[in-house]
Amino acid sequence: GGDELGRTQGGNNNAYCQDNKISWFDWEAV
């Protein structure tokens, strides 16, 4: 989910503990 939008986690490849904007979908940057 989000790959179709170009969603980024800023290079974090283990965001299991990031309940914040690192993980949330940014609908303003589609």
Full PDB file with SEQRES, HELIX, SHEET, SSBOND, CRYST1, ORIGX, SCALE, CONECT and MASTER records, all heavy atoms in Angstrom:
SEQRES   1 A   30  GLY GLY ASP GLU LEU GLY ARG THR GLN GLY GLY ASN ASN          
SEQRES   2 A   30  ASN ALA TYR CYS GLN ASP ASN LYS ILE SER TRP PHE ASP          
SEQRES   3 A   30  TRP GLU ALA VAL                                              
HELIX    1 AA1 ASP A    3  LEU A    5  5                                   3    
HELIX    2 AA2 ALA A   15  CYS A   17  5                                   3    
CRYST1    1.000    1.000    1.000  90.00  90.00  90.00 P 1           1          
ORIGX1      1.000000  0.000000  0.000000        0.00000                         
ORIGX2      0.000000  1.000000  0.000000        0.00000                         
ORIGX3      0.000000  0.000000  1.000000        0.00000                         
SCALE1      1.000000  0.000000  0.000000        0.00000                         
SCALE2      0.000000  1.000000  0.000000        0.00000                         
SCALE3      0.000000  0.000000  1.000000        0.00000                         
ATOM      1  N   GLY A   1       0.804  -1.202   0.000  1.00  0.00           N  
ATOM      2  CA  GLY A   1       0.000   0.000   0.000  1.00  0.00           C  
ATOM      3  C   GLY A   1       0.842   1.259   0.000  1.00  0.00           C  
ATOM      4  O   GLY A   1       1.714   1.438   0.859  1.00  0.00           O  
ATOM      5  N   GLY A   2       0.594   2.138  -0.939  1.00  0.00           N  
ATOM      6  CA  GLY A   2       1.326   3.388  -1.071  1.00  0.00           C  
ATOM      7  C   GLY A   2       2.357   3.375  -2.179  1.00  0.00           C  
ATOM      8  O   GLY A   2       2.789   4.435  -2.631  1.00  0.00           O  
ATOM      9  N   ASP A   3       2.759   2.181  -2.629  1.00  0.00           N  
ATOM     10  CA  ASP A   3       3.738   2.134  -3.721  1.00  0.00           C  
ATOM     11  C   ASP A   3       3.187   2.792  -4.975  1.00  0.00           C  
ATOM     12  O   ASP A   3       3.933   3.405  -5.746  1.00  0.00           O  
ATOM     13  CB  ASP A   3       4.126   0.682  -4.024  1.00  0.00           C  
ATOM     14  CG  ASP A   3       5.224   0.176  -3.104  1.00  0.00           C  
ATOM     15  OD1 ASP A   3       5.729   0.959  -2.269  1.00  0.00           O  
ATOM     16  OD2 ASP A   3       5.577  -1.022  -3.209  1.00  0.00           O  
ATOM     17  N   GLU A   4       1.881   2.667  -5.187  1.00  0.00           N  
ATOM     18  CA  GLU A   4       1.273   3.270  -6.365  1.00  0.00           C  
ATOM     19  C   GLU A   4       1.242   4.794  -6.276  1.00  0.00           C  
ATOM     20  O   GLU A   4       1.035   5.476  -7.284  1.00  0.00           O  
ATOM     21  CB  GLU A   4      -0.148   2.725  -6.544  1.00  0.00           C  
ATOM     22  CG  GLU A   4      -1.211   3.304  -5.615  1.00  0.00           C  
ATOM     23  CD  GLU A   4      -1.178   2.780  -4.183  1.00  0.00           C  
ATOM     24  OE1 GLU A   4      -0.234   2.042  -3.818  1.00  0.00           O  
ATOM     25  OE2 GLU A   4      -2.108   3.093  -3.416  1.00  0.00           O  
ATOM     26  N   LEU A   5       1.471   5.321  -5.075  1.00  0.00           N  
ATOM     27  CA  LEU A   5       1.447   6.765  -4.855  1.00  0.00           C  
ATOM     28  C   LEU A   5       2.840   7.366  -4.821  1.00  0.00           C  
ATOM     29  O   LEU A   5       2.996   8.590  -4.749  1.00  0.00           O  
ATOM     30  CB  LEU A   5       0.755   7.082  -3.521  1.00  0.00           C  
ATOM     31  CG  LEU A   5      -0.640   6.501  -3.309  1.00  0.00           C  
ATOM     32  CD1 LEU A   5      -1.100   6.764  -1.882  1.00  0.00           C  
ATOM     33  CD2 LEU A   5      -1.619   7.078  -4.304  1.00  0.00           C  
ATOM     34  N   GLY A   6       3.878   6.508  -4.829  1.00  0.00           N  
ATOM     35  CA  GLY A   6       5.238   6.988  -4.649  1.00  0.00           C  
ATOM     36  C   GLY A   6       5.574   7.252  -3.193  1.00  0.00           C  
ATOM     37  O   GLY A   6       6.434   8.078  -2.874  1.00  0.00           O  
ATOM     38  N   ARG A   7       4.924   6.533  -2.273  1.00  0.00           N  
ATOM     39  CA  ARG A   7       5.113   6.770  -0.836  1.00  0.00           C  
ATOM     40  C   ARG A   7       6.556   6.470  -0.416  1.00  0.00           C  
ATOM     41  O   ARG A   7       7.118   5.450  -0.762  1.00  0.00           O  
ATOM     42  CB  ARG A   7       4.163   5.890  -0.022  1.00  0.00           C  
ATOM     43  CG  ARG A   7       4.205   6.156   1.484  1.00  0.00           C  
ATOM     44  CD  ARG A   7       3.168   5.329   2.214  1.00  0.00           C  
ATOM     45  NE  ARG A   7       3.539   3.925   2.314  1.00  0.00           N  
ATOM     46  CZ  ARG A   7       4.258   3.401   3.313  1.00  0.00           C  
ATOM     47  NH1 ARG A   7       4.708   4.185   4.277  1.00  0.00           N  
ATOM     48  NH2 ARG A   7       4.525   2.117   3.339  1.00  0.00           N  
ATOM     49  N   THR A   8       7.137   7.380   0.367  1.00  0.00           N  
ATOM     50  CA  THR A   8       8.493   7.207   0.867  1.00  0.00           C  
ATOM     51  C   THR A   8       8.495   7.142   2.387  1.00  0.00           C  
ATOM     52  O   THR A   8       7.633   7.731   3.051  1.00  0.00           O  
ATOM     53  CB  THR A   8       9.404   8.356   0.407  1.00  0.00           C  
ATOM     54  OG1 THR A   8      10.707   8.178   0.983  1.00  0.00           O  
ATOM     55  CG2 THR A   8       8.852   9.717   0.831  1.00  0.00           C  
ATOM     56  N   GLN A   9       9.452   6.398   2.924  1.00  0.00           N  
ATOM     57  CA  GLN A   9       9.719   6.402   4.366  1.00  0.00           C  
ATOM     58  C   GLN A   9      11.097   7.012   4.649  1.00  0.00           C  
ATOM     59  O   GLN A   9      11.691   6.752   5.687  1.00  0.00           O  
ATOM     60  CB  GLN A   9       9.635   4.974   4.930  1.00  0.00           C  
ATOM     61  CG  GLN A   9       8.231   4.406   4.871  1.00  0.00           C  
ATOM     62  CD  GLN A   9       8.102   2.978   5.358  1.00  0.00           C  
ATOM     63  OE1 GLN A   9       6.991   2.485   5.540  1.00  0.00           O  
ATOM     64  NE2 GLN A   9       9.209   2.280   5.570  1.00  0.00           N  
ATOM     65  N   GLY A  10      11.581   7.797   3.702  1.00  0.00           N  
ATOM     66  CA  GLY A  10      12.860   8.457   3.884  1.00  0.00           C  
ATOM     67  C   GLY A  10      14.022   7.488   3.987  1.00  0.00           C  
ATOM     68  O   GLY A  10      15.043   7.803   4.600  1.00  0.00           O  
ATOM     69  N   GLY A  11      13.875   6.326   3.377  1.00  0.00           N  
ATOM     70  CA  GLY A  11      14.944   5.339   3.407  1.00  0.00           C  
ATOM     71  C   GLY A  11      14.907   4.412   4.601  1.00  0.00           C  
ATOM     72  O   GLY A  11      15.789   3.559   4.749  1.00  0.00           O  
ATOM     73  N   ASN A  12      13.913   4.538   5.464  1.00  0.00           N  
ATOM     74  CA  ASN A  12      13.778   3.614   6.600  1.00  0.00           C  
ATOM     75  C   ASN A  12      13.194   2.306   6.077  1.00  0.00           C  
ATOM     76  O   ASN A  12      12.084   2.290   5.554  1.00  0.00           O  
ATOM     77  CB  ASN A  12      12.872   4.222   7.671  1.00  0.00           C  
ATOM     78  CG  ASN A  12      12.908   3.446   8.975  1.00  0.00           C  
ATOM     79  OD1 ASN A  12      12.918   2.220   8.987  1.00  0.00           O  
ATOM     80  ND2 ASN A  12      12.916   4.163  10.090  1.00  0.00           N  
ATOM     81  N   ASN A  13      13.932   1.222   6.217  1.00  0.00           N  
ATOM     82  CA  ASN A  13      13.440  -0.062   5.714  1.00  0.00           C  
ATOM     83  C   ASN A  13      13.009  -1.004   6.826  1.00  0.00           C  
ATOM     84  O   ASN A  13      12.855  -2.199   6.618  1.00  0.00           O  
ATOM     85  CB  ASN A  13      14.487  -0.735   4.809  1.00  0.00           C  
ATOM     86  CG  ASN A  13      15.630  -1.376   5.585  1.00  0.00           C  
ATOM     87  OD1 ASN A  13      15.830  -1.102   6.772  1.00  0.00           O  
ATOM     88  ND2 ASN A  13      16.391  -2.217   4.906  1.00  0.00           N  
ATOM     89  N   ASN A  14      12.782  -0.438   8.017  1.00  0.00           N  
ATOM     90  CA  ASN A  14      12.310  -1.239   9.150  1.00  0.00           C  
ATOM     91  C   ASN A  14      11.476  -0.354  10.065  1.00  0.00           C  
ATOM     92  O   ASN A  14      11.771  -0.190  11.253  1.00  0.00           O  
ATOM     93  CB  ASN A  14      13.499  -1.837   9.915  1.00  0.00           C  
ATOM     94  CG  ASN A  14      13.067  -2.844  10.965  1.00  0.00           C  
ATOM     95  OD1 ASN A  14      12.107  -3.580  10.769  1.00  0.00           O  
ATOM     96  ND2 ASN A  14      13.780  -2.888  12.085  1.00  0.00           N  
ATOM     97  N   ALA A  15      10.409   0.202   9.513  1.00  0.00           N  
ATOM     98  CA  ALA A  15       9.632   1.231  10.214  1.00  0.00           C  
ATOM     99  C   ALA A  15       8.600   0.636  11.170  1.00  0.00           C  
ATOM    100  O   ALA A  15       7.554   1.230  11.408  1.00  0.00           O  
ATOM    101  CB  ALA A  15       8.942   2.138   9.192  1.00  0.00           C  
ATOM    102  N   TYR A  16       8.919  -0.504  11.758  1.00  0.00           N  
ATOM    103  CA  TYR A  16       7.980  -1.204  12.643  1.00  0.00           C  
ATOM    104  C   TYR A  16       7.607  -0.377  13.866  1.00  0.00           C  
ATOM    105  O   TYR A  16       6.537  -0.563  14.455  1.00  0.00           O  
ATOM    106  CB  TYR A  16       8.601  -2.529  13.113  1.00  0.00           C  
ATOM    107  CG  TYR A  16       9.653  -2.376  14.181  1.00  0.00           C  
ATOM    108  CD1 TYR A  16       9.354  -2.643  15.516  1.00  0.00           C  
ATOM    109  CD2 TYR A  16      10.940  -1.948  13.879  1.00  0.00           C  
ATOM    110  CE1 TYR A  16      10.312  -2.493  16.506  1.00  0.00           C  
ATOM    111  CE2 TYR A  16      11.895  -1.800  14.847  1.00  0.00           C  
ATOM    112  CZ  TYR A  16      11.582  -2.069  16.165  1.00  0.00           C  
ATOM    113  OH  TYR A  16      12.530  -1.911  17.141  1.00  0.00           O  
ATOM    114  N   CYS A  17       8.469   0.565  14.251  1.00  0.00           N  
ATOM    115  CA  CYS A  17       8.237   1.330  15.473  1.00  0.00           C  
ATOM    116  C   CYS A  17       7.927   2.796  15.189  1.00  0.00           C  
ATOM    117  O   CYS A  17       7.939   3.624  16.109  1.00  0.00           O  
ATOM    118  CB  CYS A  17       9.462   1.230  16.385  1.00  0.00           C  
ATOM    119  SG  CYS A  17      11.011   1.786  15.617  1.00  0.00           S  
ATOM    120  N   GLN A  18       7.624   3.114  13.936  1.00  0.00           N  
ATOM    121  CA  GLN A  18       7.416   4.508  13.547  1.00  0.00           C  
ATOM    122  C   GLN A  18       5.933   4.798  13.309  1.00  0.00           C  
ATOM    123  O   GLN A  18       5.441   4.774  12.195  1.00  0.00           O  
ATOM    124  CB  GLN A  18       8.244   4.830  12.301  1.00  0.00           C  
ATOM    125  CG  GLN A  18       9.742   4.678  12.495  1.00  0.00           C  
ATOM    126  CD  GLN A  18      10.288   5.621  13.555  1.00  0.00           C  
ATOM    127  OE1 GLN A  18       9.751   6.712  13.762  1.00  0.00           O  
ATOM    128  NE2 GLN A  18      11.340   5.193  14.236  1.00  0.00           N  
ATOM    129  N   ASP A  19       5.230   5.055  14.398  1.00  0.00           N  
ATOM    130  CA  ASP A  19       3.810   5.423  14.319  1.00  0.00           C  
ATOM    131  C   ASP A  19       3.731   6.936  14.168  1.00  0.00           C  
ATOM    132  O   ASP A  19       3.296   7.656  15.071  1.00  0.00           O  
ATOM    133  CB  ASP A  19       3.086   4.937  15.581  1.00  0.00           C  
ATOM    134  CG  ASP A  19       1.580   5.109  15.484  1.00  0.00           C  
ATOM    135  OD1 ASP A  19       1.097   5.608  14.441  1.00  0.00           O  
ATOM    136  OD2 ASP A  19       0.877   4.751  16.447  1.00  0.00           O  
ATOM    137  N   ASN A  20       4.131   7.408  13.005  1.00  0.00           N  
ATOM    138  CA  ASN A  20       4.243   8.848  12.764  1.00  0.00           C  
ATOM    139  C   ASN A  20       4.321   9.075  11.257  1.00  0.00           C  
ATOM    140  O   ASN A  20       4.047   8.165  10.473  1.00  0.00           O  
ATOM    141  CB  ASN A  20       5.474   9.422  13.483  1.00  0.00           C  
ATOM    142  CG  ASN A  20       6.732   8.623  13.168  1.00  0.00           C  
ATOM    143  OD1 ASN A  20       7.008   8.325  12.001  1.00  0.00           O  
ATOM    144  ND2 ASN A  20       7.491   8.254  14.191  1.00  0.00           N  
ATOM    145  N   LYS A  21       4.721  10.259  10.856  1.00  0.00           N  
ATOM    146  CA  LYS A  21       4.702  10.610   9.435  1.00  0.00           C  
ATOM    147  C   LYS A  21       5.698   9.805   8.599  1.00  0.00           C  
ATOM    148  O   LYS A  21       5.591   9.797   7.374  1.00  0.00           O  
ATOM    149  CB  LYS A  21       4.946  12.108   9.263  1.00  0.00           C  
ATOM    150  CG  LYS A  21       3.778  12.964   9.758  1.00  0.00           C  
ATOM    151  CD  LYS A  21       4.024  14.441   9.512  1.00  0.00           C  
ATOM    152  CE  LYS A  21       2.832  15.278   9.976  1.00  0.00           C  
ATOM    153  NZ  LYS A  21       3.043  16.725   9.736  1.00  0.00           N  
ATOM    154  N   ILE A  22       6.657   9.152   9.235  1.00  0.00           N  
ATOM    155  CA  ILE A  22       7.544   8.271   8.478  1.00  0.00           C  
ATOM    156  C   ILE A  22       6.729   7.171   7.808  1.00  0.00           C  
ATOM    157  O   ILE A  22       6.983   6.803   6.656  1.00  0.00           O  
ATOM    158  CB  ILE A  22       8.629   7.661   9.394  1.00  0.00           C  
ATOM    159  CG1 ILE A  22       9.618   8.751   9.822  1.00  0.00           C  
ATOM    160  CG2 ILE A  22       9.362   6.507   8.695  1.00  0.00           C  
ATOM    161  CD1 ILE A  22      10.670   8.270  10.801  1.00  0.00           C  
ATOM    162  N   SER A  23       5.730   6.647   8.525  1.00  0.00           N  
ATOM    163  CA  SER A  23       4.954   5.508   8.041  1.00  0.00           C  
ATOM    164  C   SER A  23       3.610   5.890   7.440  1.00  0.00           C  
ATOM    165  O   SER A  23       3.092   5.180   6.574  1.00  0.00           O  
ATOM    166  CB  SER A  23       4.712   4.526   9.197  1.00  0.00           C  
ATOM    167  OG  SER A  23       5.918   3.997   9.686  1.00  0.00           O  
ATOM    168  N   TRP A  24       3.004   6.970   7.929  1.00  0.00           N  
ATOM    169  CA  TRP A  24       1.671   7.323   7.461  1.00  0.00           C  
ATOM    170  C   TRP A  24       1.697   7.772   5.999  1.00  0.00           C  
ATOM    171  O   TRP A  24       2.667   8.366   5.529  1.00  0.00           O  
ATOM    172  CB  TRP A  24       1.092   8.453   8.310  1.00  0.00           C  
ATOM    173  CG  TRP A  24       1.004   8.135   9.780  1.00  0.00           C  
ATOM    174  CD1 TRP A  24       0.991   6.909  10.366  1.00  0.00           C  
ATOM    175  CD2 TRP A  24       0.930   9.100  10.842  1.00  0.00           C  
ATOM    176  NE1 TRP A  24       0.910   7.030  11.729  1.00  0.00           N  
ATOM    177  CE2 TRP A  24       0.865   8.362  12.053  1.00  0.00           C  
ATOM    178  CE3 TRP A  24       0.899  10.481  10.897  1.00  0.00           C  
ATOM    179  CZ2 TRP A  24       0.777   8.991  13.300  1.00  0.00           C  
ATOM    180  CZ3 TRP A  24       0.813  11.110  12.130  1.00  0.00           C  
ATOM    181  CH2 TRP A  24       0.750  10.369  13.319  1.00  0.00           C  
ATOM    182  N   PHE A  25       0.616   7.507   5.282  1.00  0.00           N  
ATOM    183  CA  PHE A  25       0.484   7.932   3.886  1.00  0.00           C  
ATOM    184  C   PHE A  25       0.423   9.460   3.812  1.00  0.00           C  
ATOM    185  O   PHE A  25      -0.372  10.087   4.508  1.00  0.00           O  
ATOM    186  CB  PHE A  25      -0.798   7.372   3.273  1.00  0.00           C  
ATOM    187  CG  PHE A  25      -0.742   5.921   2.889  1.00  0.00           C  
ATOM    188  CD1 PHE A  25      -0.173   4.973   3.729  1.00  0.00           C  
ATOM    189  CD2 PHE A  25      -1.272   5.491   1.684  1.00  0.00           C  
ATOM    190  CE1 PHE A  25      -0.131   3.639   3.384  1.00  0.00           C  
ATOM    191  CE2 PHE A  25      -1.234   4.149   1.323  1.00  0.00           C  
ATOM    192  CZ  PHE A  25      -0.658   3.220   2.172  1.00  0.00           C  
ATOM    193  N   ASP A  26       1.244  10.021   2.945  1.00  0.00           N  
ATOM    194  CA  ASP A  26       1.230  11.467   2.715  1.00  0.00           C  
ATOM    195  C   ASP A  26       0.391  11.728   1.466  1.00  0.00           C  
ATOM    196  O   ASP A  26       0.870  11.628   0.334  1.00  0.00           O  
ATOM    197  CB  ASP A  26       2.661  11.980   2.536  1.00  0.00           C  
ATOM    198  CG  ASP A  26       2.712  13.494   2.357  1.00  0.00           C  
ATOM    199  OD1 ASP A  26       1.638  14.129   2.289  1.00  0.00           O  
ATOM    200  OD2 ASP A  26       3.828  14.035   2.263  1.00  0.00           O  
ATOM    201  N   TRP A  27      -0.867  12.069   1.680  1.00  0.00           N  
ATOM    202  CA  TRP A  27      -1.794  12.270   0.562  1.00  0.00           C  
ATOM    203  C   TRP A  27      -1.568  13.596  -0.155  1.00  0.00           C  
ATOM    204  O   TRP A  27      -2.203  13.852  -1.193  1.00  0.00           O  
ATOM    205  CB  TRP A  27      -3.227  12.167   1.060  1.00  0.00           C  
ATOM    206  CG  TRP A  27      -3.559  10.777   1.526  1.00  0.00           C  
ATOM    207  CD1 TRP A  27      -3.540  10.313   2.806  1.00  0.00           C  
ATOM    208  CD2 TRP A  27      -3.926   9.672   0.703  1.00  0.00           C  
ATOM    209  NE1 TRP A  27      -3.874   8.973   2.834  1.00  0.00           N  
ATOM    210  CE2 TRP A  27      -4.121   8.556   1.563  1.00  0.00           C  
ATOM    211  CE3 TRP A  27      -4.117   9.506  -0.675  1.00  0.00           C  
ATOM    212  CZ2 TRP A  27      -4.492   7.302   1.084  1.00  0.00           C  
ATOM    213  CZ3 TRP A  27      -4.486   8.266  -1.161  1.00  0.00           C  
ATOM    214  CH2 TRP A  27      -4.677   7.178  -0.285  1.00  0.00           C  
ATOM    215  N   GLU A  28      -0.678  14.427   0.375  1.00  0.00           N  
ATOM    216  CA  GLU A  28      -0.354  15.686  -0.291  1.00  0.00           C  
ATOM    217  C   GLU A  28       0.831  15.526  -1.244  1.00  0.00           C  
ATOM    218  O   GLU A  28       1.213  16.478  -1.923  1.00  0.00           O  
ATOM    219  CB  GLU A  28      -0.034  16.762   0.759  1.00  0.00           C  
ATOM    220  CG  GLU A  28      -1.169  17.035   1.741  1.00  0.00           C  
ATOM    221  CD  GLU A  28      -2.435  17.522   1.043  1.00  0.00           C  
ATOM    222  OE1 GLU A  28      -2.305  18.279   0.063  1.00  0.00           O  
ATOM    223  OE2 GLU A  28      -3.533  17.141   1.481  1.00  0.00           O  
ATOM    224  N   ALA A  29       1.452  14.365  -1.267  1.00  0.00           N  
ATOM    225  CA  ALA A  29       2.641  14.151  -2.098  1.00  0.00           C  
ATOM    226  C   ALA A  29       2.470  12.907  -2.956  1.00  0.00           C  
ATOM    227  O   ALA A  29       3.292  11.997  -2.938  1.00  0.00           O  
ATOM    228  CB  ALA A  29       3.878  14.023  -1.213  1.00  0.00           C  
ATOM    229  N   VAL A  30       1.391  12.868  -3.701  1.00  0.00           N  
ATOM    230  CA  VAL A  30       1.063  11.704  -4.524  1.00  0.00           C  
ATOM    231  C   VAL A  30       1.697  11.848  -5.907  1.00  0.00           C  
ATOM    232  O   VAL A  30       1.604  12.903  -6.537  1.00  0.00           O  
ATOM    233  CB  VAL A  30      -0.472  11.549  -4.657  1.00  0.00           C  
ATOM    234  CG1 VAL A  30      -0.826  10.496  -5.695  1.00  0.00           C  
ATOM    235  CG2 VAL A  30      -1.069  11.201  -3.303  1.00  0.00           C  
TER     236      VAL A  30                                                      
MASTER        0    0    0    2    0    0    0    6  235    1    0    3          
END                                                                             
